[in-house]
Amino acid sequence: MVMGFNTDINHEGVVYHVQTEPRKEAGIDTTVYTRGAVVYKFKSSCQDLLDSPDYCEDKLKRRLEEQHRLIIARIRGGEIKPASEHAGPS
């Protein structure tokens, strides 16, 4: 059974917890939390991989890790911020 990834990132004084895990319905979910609140979610399908004749758990684990690293890069690039920073003018 392939397990997910969990990483804490400190970016610009904010600690983000990034969690990526496989789902039973052929998906990969990544959720980003700050202070226990969800600030970002990303879902992708891995059905193509599961349907492949050369599927193996190592390939699924690599796909999970790639998505996990992508979201970490987006945090470091400033694309993902706490909800209060996304709010527009009142």
PDB file of N, CA and C in Angstrom:
ATOM      1  N   MET A   1       0.837  -1.176   0.000  1.00  0.00           N
ATOM      2  CA  MET A   1       0.000   0.000   0.000  1.00  0.00           C
ATOM      3  C   MET A   1       0.887   1.245   0.000  1.00  0.00           C
ATOM      4  N   VAL A   2       0.607   2.162  -0.914  1.00  0.00           N
ATOM      5  CA  VAL A   2       1.377   3.397  -1.027  1.00  0.00           C
ATOM      6  C   VAL A   2       0.851   4.406  -0.013  1.00  0.00           C
ATOM      7  N   MET A   3       1.770   4.949   0.750  1.00  0.00           N
ATOM      8  CA  MET A   3       1.415   5.971   1.736  1.00  0.00           C
ATOM      9  C   MET A   3       1.658   7.342   1.125  1.00  0.00           C
ATOM     10  N   GLY A   4       1.122   8.366   1.746  1.00  0.00           N
ATOM     11  CA  GLY A   4       1.262   9.724   1.253  1.00  0.00           C
ATOM     12  C   GLY A   4       2.480  10.425   1.810  1.00  0.00           C
ATOM     13  N   PHE A   5       2.502  11.721   1.582  1.00  0.00           N
ATOM     14  CA  PHE A   5       3.602  12.568   2.019  1.00  0.00           C
ATOM     15  C   PHE A   5       3.062  13.698   2.878  1.00  0.00           C
ATOM     16  N   ASN A   6       3.811  14.077   3.900  1.00  0.00           N
ATOM     17  CA  ASN A   6       3.488  15.200   4.775  1.00  0.00           C
ATOM     18  C   ASN A   6       4.744  16.026   4.970  1.00  0.00           C
ATOM     19  N   THR A   7       4.622  17.337   4.726  1.00  0.00           N
ATOM     20  CA  THR A   7       5.771  18.226   4.860  1.00  0.00           C
ATOM     21  C   THR A   7       5.321  19.544   5.463  1.00  0.00           C
ATOM     22  N   ASP A   8       6.111  20.070   6.393  1.00  0.00           N
ATOM     23  CA  ASP A   8       5.888  21.410   6.909  1.00  0.00           C
ATOM     24  C   ASP A   8       6.863  22.350   6.227  1.00  0.00           C
ATOM     25  N   ILE A   9       6.338  23.467   5.735  1.00  0.00           N
ATOM     26  CA  ILE A   9       7.142  24.473   5.027  1.00  0.00           C
ATOM     27  C   ILE A   9       6.977  25.797   5.754  1.00  0.00           C
ATOM     28  N   ASN A  10       8.074  26.466   6.032  1.00  0.00           N
ATOM     29  CA  ASN A  10       8.007  27.813   6.580  1.00  0.00           C
ATOM     30  C   ASN A  10       8.363  28.770   5.451  1.00  0.00           C
ATOM     31  N   HIS A  11       7.380  29.554   5.047  1.00  0.00           N
ATOM     32  CA  HIS A  11       7.596  30.513   3.953  1.00  0.00           C
ATOM     33  C   HIS A  11       7.066  31.879   4.367  1.00  0.00           C
ATOM     34  N   GLU A  12       7.951  32.851   4.373  1.00  0.00           N
ATOM     35  CA  GLU A  12       7.609  34.225   4.735  1.00  0.00           C
ATOM     36  C   GLU A  12       6.886  34.294   6.080  1.00  0.00           C
ATOM     37  N   GLY A  13       7.382  33.523   7.037  1.00  0.00           N
ATOM     38  CA  GLY A  13       6.846  33.556   8.395  1.00  0.00           C
ATOM     39  C   GLY A  13       5.573  32.764   8.613  1.00  0.00           C
ATOM     40  N   VAL A  14       5.109  32.068   7.601  1.00  0.00           N
ATOM     41  CA  VAL A  14       3.901  31.248   7.711  1.00  0.00           C
ATOM     42  C   VAL A  14       4.303  29.785   7.597  1.00  0.00           C
ATOM     43  N   VAL A  15       3.800  28.958   8.506  1.00  0.00           N
ATOM     44  CA  VAL A  15       4.060  27.523   8.447  1.00  0.00           C
ATOM     45  C   VAL A  15       2.891  26.863   7.710  1.00  0.00           C
ATOM     46  N   TYR A  16       3.225  26.181   6.627  1.00  0.00           N
ATOM     47  CA  TYR A  16       2.251  25.450   5.824  1.00  0.00           C
ATOM     48  C   TYR A  16       2.478  23.965   6.046  1.00  0.00           C
ATOM     49  N   HIS A  17       1.391  23.238   6.208  1.00  0.00           N
ATOM     50  CA  HIS A  17       1.480  21.775   6.266  1.00  0.00           C
ATOM     51  C   HIS A  17       0.910  21.255   4.950  1.00  0.00           C
ATOM     52  N   VAL A  18       1.715  20.529   4.199  1.00  0.00           N
ATOM     53  CA  VAL A  18       1.315  20.001   2.899  1.00  0.00           C
ATOM     54  C   VAL A  18       1.138  18.492   3.035  1.00  0.00           C
ATOM     55  N   GLN A  19      -0.046  18.015   2.674  1.00  0.00           N
ATOM     56  CA  GLN A  19      -0.376  16.588   2.797  1.00  0.00           C
ATOM     57  C   GLN A  19      -0.858  16.079   1.440  1.00  0.00           C
ATOM     58  N   THR A  20      -0.185  15.066   0.919  1.00  0.00           N
ATOM     59  CA  THR A  20      -0.562  14.458  -0.361  1.00  0.00           C
ATOM     60  C   THR A  20      -0.812  12.979  -0.124  1.00  0.00           C
ATOM     61  N   GLU A  21      -1.954  12.498  -0.638  1.00  0.00           N
ATOM     62  CA  GLU A  21      -2.294  11.094  -0.428  1.00  0.00           C
ATOM     63  C   GLU A  21      -3.112  10.543  -1.585  1.00  0.00           C
ATOM     64  N   PRO A  22      -2.985   9.232  -1.809  1.00  0.00           N
ATOM     65  CA  PRO A  22      -3.790   8.595  -2.847  1.00  0.00           C
ATOM     66  C   PRO A  22      -5.209   8.386  -2.346  1.00  0.00           C
ATOM     67  N   ARG A  23      -6.144   8.395  -3.274  1.00  0.00           N
ATOM     68  CA  ARG A  23      -7.548   8.131  -2.947  1.00  0.00           C
ATOM     69  C   ARG A  23      -8.007   6.872  -3.666  1.00  0.00           C
ATOM     70  N   LYS A  24      -8.985   6.212  -3.094  1.00  0.00           N
ATOM     71  CA  LYS A  24      -9.485   4.965  -3.668  1.00  0.00           C
ATOM     72  C   LYS A  24     -10.059   5.158  -5.061  1.00  0.00           C
ATOM     73  N   GLU A  25     -10.623   6.320  -5.331  1.00  0.00           N
ATOM     74  CA  GLU A  25     -11.257   6.561  -6.626  1.00  0.00           C
ATOM     75  C   GLU A  25     -10.269   7.069  -7.682  1.00  0.00           C
ATOM     76  N   ALA A  26      -9.056   6.525  -7.668  1.00  0.00           N
ATOM     77  CA  ALA A  26      -8.016   6.818  -8.670  1.00  0.00           C
ATOM     78  C   ALA A  26      -7.614   8.280  -8.684  1.00  0.00           C
ATOM     79  N   GLY A  27      -7.559   8.869  -7.523  1.00  0.00           N
ATOM     80  CA  GLY A  27      -7.154  10.263  -7.443  1.00  0.00           C
ATOM     81  C   GLY A  27      -5.981  10.460  -6.507  1.00  0.00           C
ATOM     82  N   ILE A  28      -5.374  11.626  -6.651  1.00  0.00           N
ATOM     83  CA  ILE A  28      -4.313  12.058  -5.741  1.00  0.00           C
ATOM     84  C   ILE A  28      -4.745  13.417  -5.216  1.00  0.00           C
ATOM     85  N   ASP A  29      -4.839  13.530  -3.904  1.00  0.00           N
ATOM     86  CA  ASP A  29      -5.258  14.776  -3.268  1.00  0.00           C
ATOM     87  C   ASP A  29      -4.097  15.397  -2.512  1.00  0.00           C
ATOM     88  N   THR A  30      -3.921  16.704  -2.710  1.00  0.00           N
ATOM     89  CA  THR A  30      -2.970  17.463  -1.910  1.00  0.00           C
ATOM     90  C   THR A  30      -3.740  18.569  -1.226  1.00  0.00           C
ATOM     91  N   THR A  31      -3.571  18.659   0.091  1.00  0.00           N
ATOM     92  CA  THR A  31      -4.231  19.689   0.881  1.00  0.00           C
ATOM     93  C   THR A  31      -3.161  20.474   1.617  1.00  0.00           C
ATOM     94  N   VAL A  32      -3.317  21.801   1.616  1.00  0.00           N
ATOM     95  CA  VAL A  32      -2.388  22.686   2.310  1.00  0.00           C
ATOM     96  C   VAL A  32      -3.131  23.327   3.473  1.00  0.00           C
ATOM     97  N   TYR A  33      -2.522  23.255   4.643  1.00  0.00           N
ATOM     98  CA  TYR A  33      -3.110  23.822   5.856  1.00  0.00           C
ATOM     99  C   TYR A  33      -2.190  24.901   6.421  1.00  0.00           C
ATOM    100  N   THR A  34      -2.784  25.897   7.026  1.00  0.00           N
ATOM    101  CA  THR A  34      -2.044  26.817   7.888  1.00  0.00           C
ATOM    102  C   THR A  34      -2.870  26.951   9.156  1.00  0.00           C
ATOM    103  N   ARG A  35      -2.220  26.759  10.270  1.00  0.00           N
ATOM    104  CA  ARG A  35      -2.874  26.846  11.578  1.00  0.00           C
ATOM    105  C   ARG A  35      -4.127  25.976  11.659  1.00  0.00           C
ATOM    106  N   GLY A  36      -4.083  24.820  11.022  1.00  0.00           N
ATOM    107  CA  GLY A  36      -5.185  23.868  11.069  1.00  0.00           C
ATOM    108  C   GLY A  36      -6.299  24.121  10.061  1.00  0.00           C
ATOM    109  N   ALA A  37      -6.253  25.235   9.338  1.00  0.00           N
ATOM    110  CA  ALA A  37      -7.287  25.563   8.355  1.00  0.00           C
ATOM    111  C   ALA A  37      -6.797  25.208   6.951  1.00  0.00           C
ATOM    112  N   VAL A  38      -7.704  24.693   6.145  1.00  0.00           N
ATOM    113  CA  VAL A  38      -7.375  24.378   4.760  1.00  0.00           C
ATOM    114  C   VAL A  38      -7.302  25.684   3.971  1.00  0.00           C
ATOM    115  N   VAL A  39      -6.163  25.901   3.301  1.00  0.00           N
ATOM    116  CA  VAL A  39      -6.012  27.110   2.484  1.00  0.00           C
ATOM    117  C   VAL A  39      -5.931  26.786   1.001  1.00  0.00           C
ATOM    118  N   TYR A  40      -5.737  25.511   0.656  1.00  0.00           N
ATOM    119  CA  TYR A  40      -5.616  25.150  -0.758  1.00  0.00           C
ATOM    120  C   TYR A  40      -5.812  23.649  -0.898  1.00  0.00           C
ATOM    121  N   LYS A  41      -6.491  23.258  -1.989  1.00  0.00           N
ATOM    122  CA  LYS A  41      -6.659  21.836  -2.318  1.00  0.00           C
ATOM    123  C   LYS A  41      -6.368  21.650  -3.794  1.00  0.00           C
ATOM    124  N   PHE A  42      -5.707  20.550  -4.102  1.00  0.00           N
ATOM    125  CA  PHE A  42      -5.411  20.202  -5.494  1.00  0.00           C
ATOM    126  C   PHE A  42      -5.681  18.716  -5.665  1.00  0.00           C
ATOM    127  N   LYS A  43      -6.448  18.376  -6.690  1.00  0.00           N
ATOM    128  CA  LYS A  43      -6.762  16.979  -6.975  1.00  0.00           C
ATOM    129  C   LYS A  43      -6.368  16.652  -8.405  1.00  0.00           C
ATOM    130  N   SER A  44      -5.844  15.466  -8.585  1.00  0.00           N
ATOM    131  CA  SER A  44      -5.523  14.997  -9.924  1.00  0.00           C
ATOM    132  C   SER A  44      -5.907  13.524 -10.026  1.00  0.00           C
ATOM    133  N   SER A  45      -5.996  13.056 -11.248  1.00  0.00           N
ATOM    134  CA  SER A  45      -6.332  11.660 -11.485  1.00  0.00           C
ATOM    135  C   SER A  45      -5.061  10.863 -11.771  1.00  0.00           C
ATOM    136  N   CYS A  46      -5.062   9.638 -11.331  1.00  0.00           N
ATOM    137  CA  CYS A  46      -3.964   8.731 -11.676  1.00  0.00           C
ATOM    138  C   CYS A  46      -4.528   7.489 -12.365  1.00  0.00           C
ATOM    139  N   GLN A  47      -5.736   7.631 -12.930  1.00  0.00           N
ATOM    140  CA  GLN A  47      -6.381   6.499 -13.597  1.00  0.00           C
ATOM    141  C   GLN A  47      -5.526   5.969 -14.734  1.00  0.00           C
ATOM    142  N   ASP A  48      -4.864   6.878 -15.480  1.00  0.00           N
ATOM    143  CA  ASP A  48      -4.009   6.445 -16.584  1.00  0.00           C
ATOM    144  C   ASP A  48      -2.900   5.525 -16.092  1.00  0.00           C
ATOM    145  N   LEU A  49      -2.352   5.857 -14.952  1.00  0.00           N
ATOM    146  CA  LEU A  49      -1.289   5.043 -14.373  1.00  0.00           C
ATOM    147  C   LEU A  49      -1.831   3.689 -13.906  1.00  0.00           C
ATOM    148  N   LEU A  50      -2.980   3.703 -13.249  1.00  0.00           N
ATOM    149  CA  LEU A  50      -3.580   2.467 -12.748  1.00  0.00           C
ATOM    150  C   LEU A  50      -3.987   1.525 -13.878  1.00  0.00           C
ATOM    151  N   ASP A  51      -4.373   2.109 -15.020  1.00  0.00           N
ATOM    152  CA  ASP A  51      -4.786   1.306 -16.172  1.00  0.00           C
ATOM    153  C   ASP A  51      -3.604   0.804 -17.007  1.00  0.00           C
ATOM    154  N   SER A  52      -2.431   1.316 -16.737  1.00  0.00           N
ATOM    155  CA  SER A  52      -1.248   0.965 -17.518  1.00  0.00           C
ATOM    156  C   SER A  52      -0.821  -0.480 -17.242  1.00  0.00           C
ATOM    157  N   PRO A  53      -0.430  -1.212 -18.291  1.00  0.00           N
ATOM    158  CA  PRO A  53       0.016  -2.599 -18.077  1.00  0.00           C
ATOM    159  C   PRO A  53       1.306  -2.688 -17.265  1.00  0.00           C
ATOM    160  N   ASP A  54       2.087  -1.610 -17.230  1.00  0.00           N
ATOM    161  CA  ASP A  54       3.332  -1.654 -16.451  1.00  0.00           C
ATOM    162  C   ASP A  54       3.205  -0.909 -15.114  1.00  0.00           C
ATOM    163  N   TYR A  55       1.954  -0.812 -14.613  1.00  0.00           N
ATOM    164  CA  TYR A  55       1.717  -0.168 -13.316  1.00  0.00           C
ATOM    165  C   TYR A  55       2.470  -0.900 -12.203  1.00  0.00           C
ATOM    166  N   CYS A  56       3.016  -0.115 -11.300  1.00  0.00           N
ATOM    167  CA  CYS A  56       3.574  -0.663 -10.060  1.00  0.00           C
ATOM    168  C   CYS A  56       3.446   0.422  -8.990  1.00  0.00           C
ATOM    169  N   GLU A  57       3.509   0.012  -7.750  1.00  0.00           N
ATOM    170  CA  GLU A  57       3.349   0.963  -6.653  1.00  0.00           C
ATOM    171  C   GLU A  57       4.450   2.011  -6.625  1.00  0.00           C
ATOM    172  N   ASP A  58       5.640   1.662  -7.092  1.00  0.00           N
ATOM    173  CA  ASP A  58       6.722   2.647  -7.143  1.00  0.00           C
ATOM    174  C   ASP A  58       6.366   3.805  -8.074  1.00  0.00           C
ATOM    175  N   LYS A  59       5.703   3.510  -9.187  1.00  0.00           N
ATOM    176  CA  LYS A  59       5.303   4.573 -10.113  1.00  0.00           C
ATOM    177  C   LYS A  59       4.236   5.468  -9.489  1.00  0.00           C
ATOM    178  N   LEU A  60       3.320   4.873  -8.755  1.00  0.00           N
ATOM    179  CA  LEU A  60       2.307   5.663  -8.061  1.00  0.00           C
ATOM    180  C   LEU A  60       2.961   6.543  -6.993  1.00  0.00           C
ATOM    181  N   LYS A  61       3.903   5.983  -6.268  1.00  0.00           N
ATOM    182  CA  LYS A  61       4.607   6.754  -5.247  1.00  0.00           C
ATOM    183  C   LYS A  61       5.346   7.943  -5.876  1.00  0.00           C
ATOM    184  N   ARG A  62       5.962   7.734  -7.025  1.00  0.00           N
ATOM    185  CA  ARG A  62       6.651   8.839  -7.726  1.00  0.00           C
ATOM    186  C   ARG A  62       5.667   9.914  -8.160  1.00  0.00           C
ATOM    187  N   ARG A  63       4.491   9.502  -8.633  1.00  0.00           N
ATOM    188  CA  ARG A  63       3.471  10.469  -9.058  1.00  0.00           C
ATOM    189  C   ARG A  63       3.000  11.290  -7.859  1.00  0.00           C
ATOM    190  N   LEU A  64       2.805  10.630  -6.741  1.00  0.00           N
ATOM    191  CA  LEU A  64       2.426  11.343  -5.511  1.00  0.00           C
ATOM    192  C   LEU A  64       3.497  12.359  -5.124  1.00  0.00           C
ATOM    193  N   GLU A  65       4.739  11.922  -5.158  1.00  0.00           N
ATOM    194  CA  GLU A  65       5.844  12.796  -4.778  1.00  0.00           C
ATOM    195  C   GLU A  65       5.970  13.988  -5.733  1.00  0.00           C
ATOM    196  N   GLU A  66       5.771  13.761  -7.028  1.00  0.00           N
ATOM    197  CA  GLU A  66       5.829  14.855  -8.008  1.00  0.00           C
ATOM    198  C   GLU A  66       4.774  15.913  -7.700  1.00  0.00           C
ATOM    199  N   GLN A  67       3.553  15.466  -7.420  1.00  0.00           N
ATOM    200  CA  GLN A  67       2.481  16.417  -7.109  1.00  0.00           C
ATOM    201  C   GLN A  67       2.792  17.154  -5.812  1.00  0.00           C
ATOM    202  N   HIS A  68       3.286  16.435  -4.833  1.00  0.00           N
ATOM    203  CA  HIS A  68       3.642  17.032  -3.539  1.00  0.00           C
ATOM    204  C   HIS A  68       4.693  18.129  -3.732  1.00  0.00           C
ATOM    205  N   ARG A  69       5.717  17.829  -4.505  1.00  0.00           N
ATOM    206  CA  ARG A  69       6.784  18.809  -4.767  1.00  0.00           C
ATOM    207  C   ARG A  69       6.267  20.013  -5.564  1.00  0.00           C
ATOM    208  N   LEU A  70       5.348  19.771  -6.486  1.00  0.00           N
ATOM    209  CA  LEU A  70       4.760  20.858  -7.269  1.00  0.00           C
ATOM    210  C   LEU A  70       4.051  21.860  -6.356  1.00  0.00           C
ATOM    211  N   ILE A  71       3.273  21.360  -5.424  1.00  0.00           N
ATOM    212  CA  ILE A  71       2.541  22.251  -4.519  1.00  0.00           C
ATOM    213  C   ILE A  71       3.507  22.992  -3.603  1.00  0.00           C
ATOM    214  N   ILE A  72       4.546  22.334  -3.130  1.00  0.00           N
ATOM    215  CA  ILE A  72       5.567  23.011  -2.321  1.00  0.00           C
ATOM    216  C   ILE A  72       6.215  24.131  -3.130  1.00  0.00           C
ATOM    217  N   ALA A  73       6.503  23.875  -4.398  1.00  0.00           N
ATOM    218  CA  ALA A  73       7.086  24.907  -5.264  1.00  0.00           C
ATOM    219  C   ALA A  73       6.129  26.079  -5.430  1.00  0.00           C
ATOM    220  N   ARG A  74       4.842  25.808  -5.525  1.00  0.00           N
ATOM    221  CA  ARG A  74       3.854  26.884  -5.645  1.00  0.00           C
ATOM    222  C   ARG A  74       3.791  27.735  -4.378  1.00  0.00           C
ATOM    223  N   ILE A  75       3.952  27.097  -3.237  1.00  0.00           N
ATOM    224  CA  ILE A  75       4.000  27.861  -1.983  1.00  0.00           C
ATOM    225  C   ILE A  75       5.229  28.758  -1.986  1.00  0.00           C
ATOM    226  N   ARG A  76       6.367  28.181  -2.283  1.00  0.00           N
ATOM    227  CA  ARG A  76       7.618  28.955  -2.290  1.00  0.00           C
ATOM    228  C   ARG A  76       7.608  30.053  -3.349  1.00  0.00           C
ATOM    229  N   GLY A  77       6.854  29.859  -4.419  1.00  0.00           N
ATOM    230  CA  GLY A  77       6.738  30.855  -5.470  1.00  0.00           C
ATOM    231  C   GLY A  77       5.695  31.923  -5.190  1.00  0.00           C
ATOM    232  N   GLY A  78       5.006  31.807  -4.054  1.00  0.00           N
ATOM    233  CA  GLY A  78       4.019  32.813  -3.676  1.00  0.00           C
ATOM    234  C   GLY A  78       2.643  32.625  -4.284  1.00  0.00           C
ATOM    235  N   GLU A  79       2.410  31.509  -4.968  1.00  0.00           N
ATOM    236  CA  GLU A  79       1.106  31.263  -5.582  1.00  0.00           C
ATOM    237  C   GLU A  79       0.049  30.833  -4.573  1.00  0.00           C
ATOM    238  N   ILE A  80       0.470  30.214  -3.483  1.00  0.00           N
ATOM    239  CA  ILE A  80      -0.457  29.730  -2.455  1.00  0.00           C
ATOM    240  C   ILE A  80      -0.164  30.498  -1.181  1.00  0.00           C
ATOM    241  N   LYS A  81      -1.198  31.164  -0.651  1.00  0.00           N
ATOM    242  CA  LYS A  81      -1.043  31.986   0.544  1.00  0.00           C
ATOM    243  C   LYS A  81      -2.198  31.707   1.497  1.00  0.00           C
ATOM    244  N   PRO A  82      -2.036  32.110   2.756  1.00  0.00           N
ATOM    245  CA  PRO A  82      -3.162  31.941   3.690  1.00  0.00           C
ATOM    246  C   PRO A  82      -4.394  32.671   3.193  1.00  0.00           C
ATOM    247  N   ALA A  83      -5.547  32.187   3.593  1.00  0.00           N
ATOM    248  CA  ALA A  83      -6.829  32.740   3.118  1.00  0.00           C
ATOM    249  C   ALA A  83      -6.938  34.240   3.339  1.00  0.00           C
ATOM    250  N   SER A  84      -6.438  34.750   4.435  1.00  0.00           N
ATOM    251  CA  SER A  84      -6.551  36.188   4.720  1.00  0.00           C
ATOM    252  C   SER A  84      -5.809  37.018   3.685  1.00  0.00           C
ATOM    253  N   GLU A  85      -4.794  36.455   3.038  1.00  0.00           N
ATOM    254  CA  GLU A  85      -4.050  37.184   2.019  1.00  0.00           C
ATOM    255  C   GLU A  85      -4.746  37.119   0.665  1.00  0.00           C
ATOM    256  N   HIS A  86      -5.713  36.198   0.510  1.00  0.00           N
ATOM    257  CA  HIS A  86      -6.443  36.104  -0.747  1.00  0.00           C
ATOM    258  C   HIS A  86      -7.635  37.056  -0.772  1.00  0.00           C
ATOM    259  N   ALA A  87      -8.049  37.494   0.396  1.00  0.00           N
ATOM    260  CA  ALA A  87      -9.247  38.326   0.476  1.00  0.00           C
ATOM    261  C   ALA A  87      -9.036  39.662  -0.238  1.00  0.00           C
ATOM    262  N   GLY A  88     -10.037  40.070  -0.949  1.00  0.00           N
ATOM    263  CA  GLY A  88      -9.982  41.339  -1.657  1.00  0.00           C
ATOM    264  C   GLY A  88     -10.388  42.483  -0.751  1.00  0.00           C
ATOM    265  N   PRO A  89     -10.496  43.699  -1.289  1.00  0.00           N
ATOM    266  CA  PRO A  89     -10.872  44.861  -0.491  1.00  0.00           C
ATOM    267  C   PRO A  89     -12.285  44.704   0.054  1.00  0.00           C
ATOM    268  N   SER A  90     -12.512  45.238   1.221  1.00  0.00           N
ATOM    269  CA  SER A  90     -13.848  45.146   1.851  1.00  0.00           C
ATOM    270  C   SER A  90     -14.761  46.254   1.379  1.00  0.00           C
TER     271      SER A  90
END
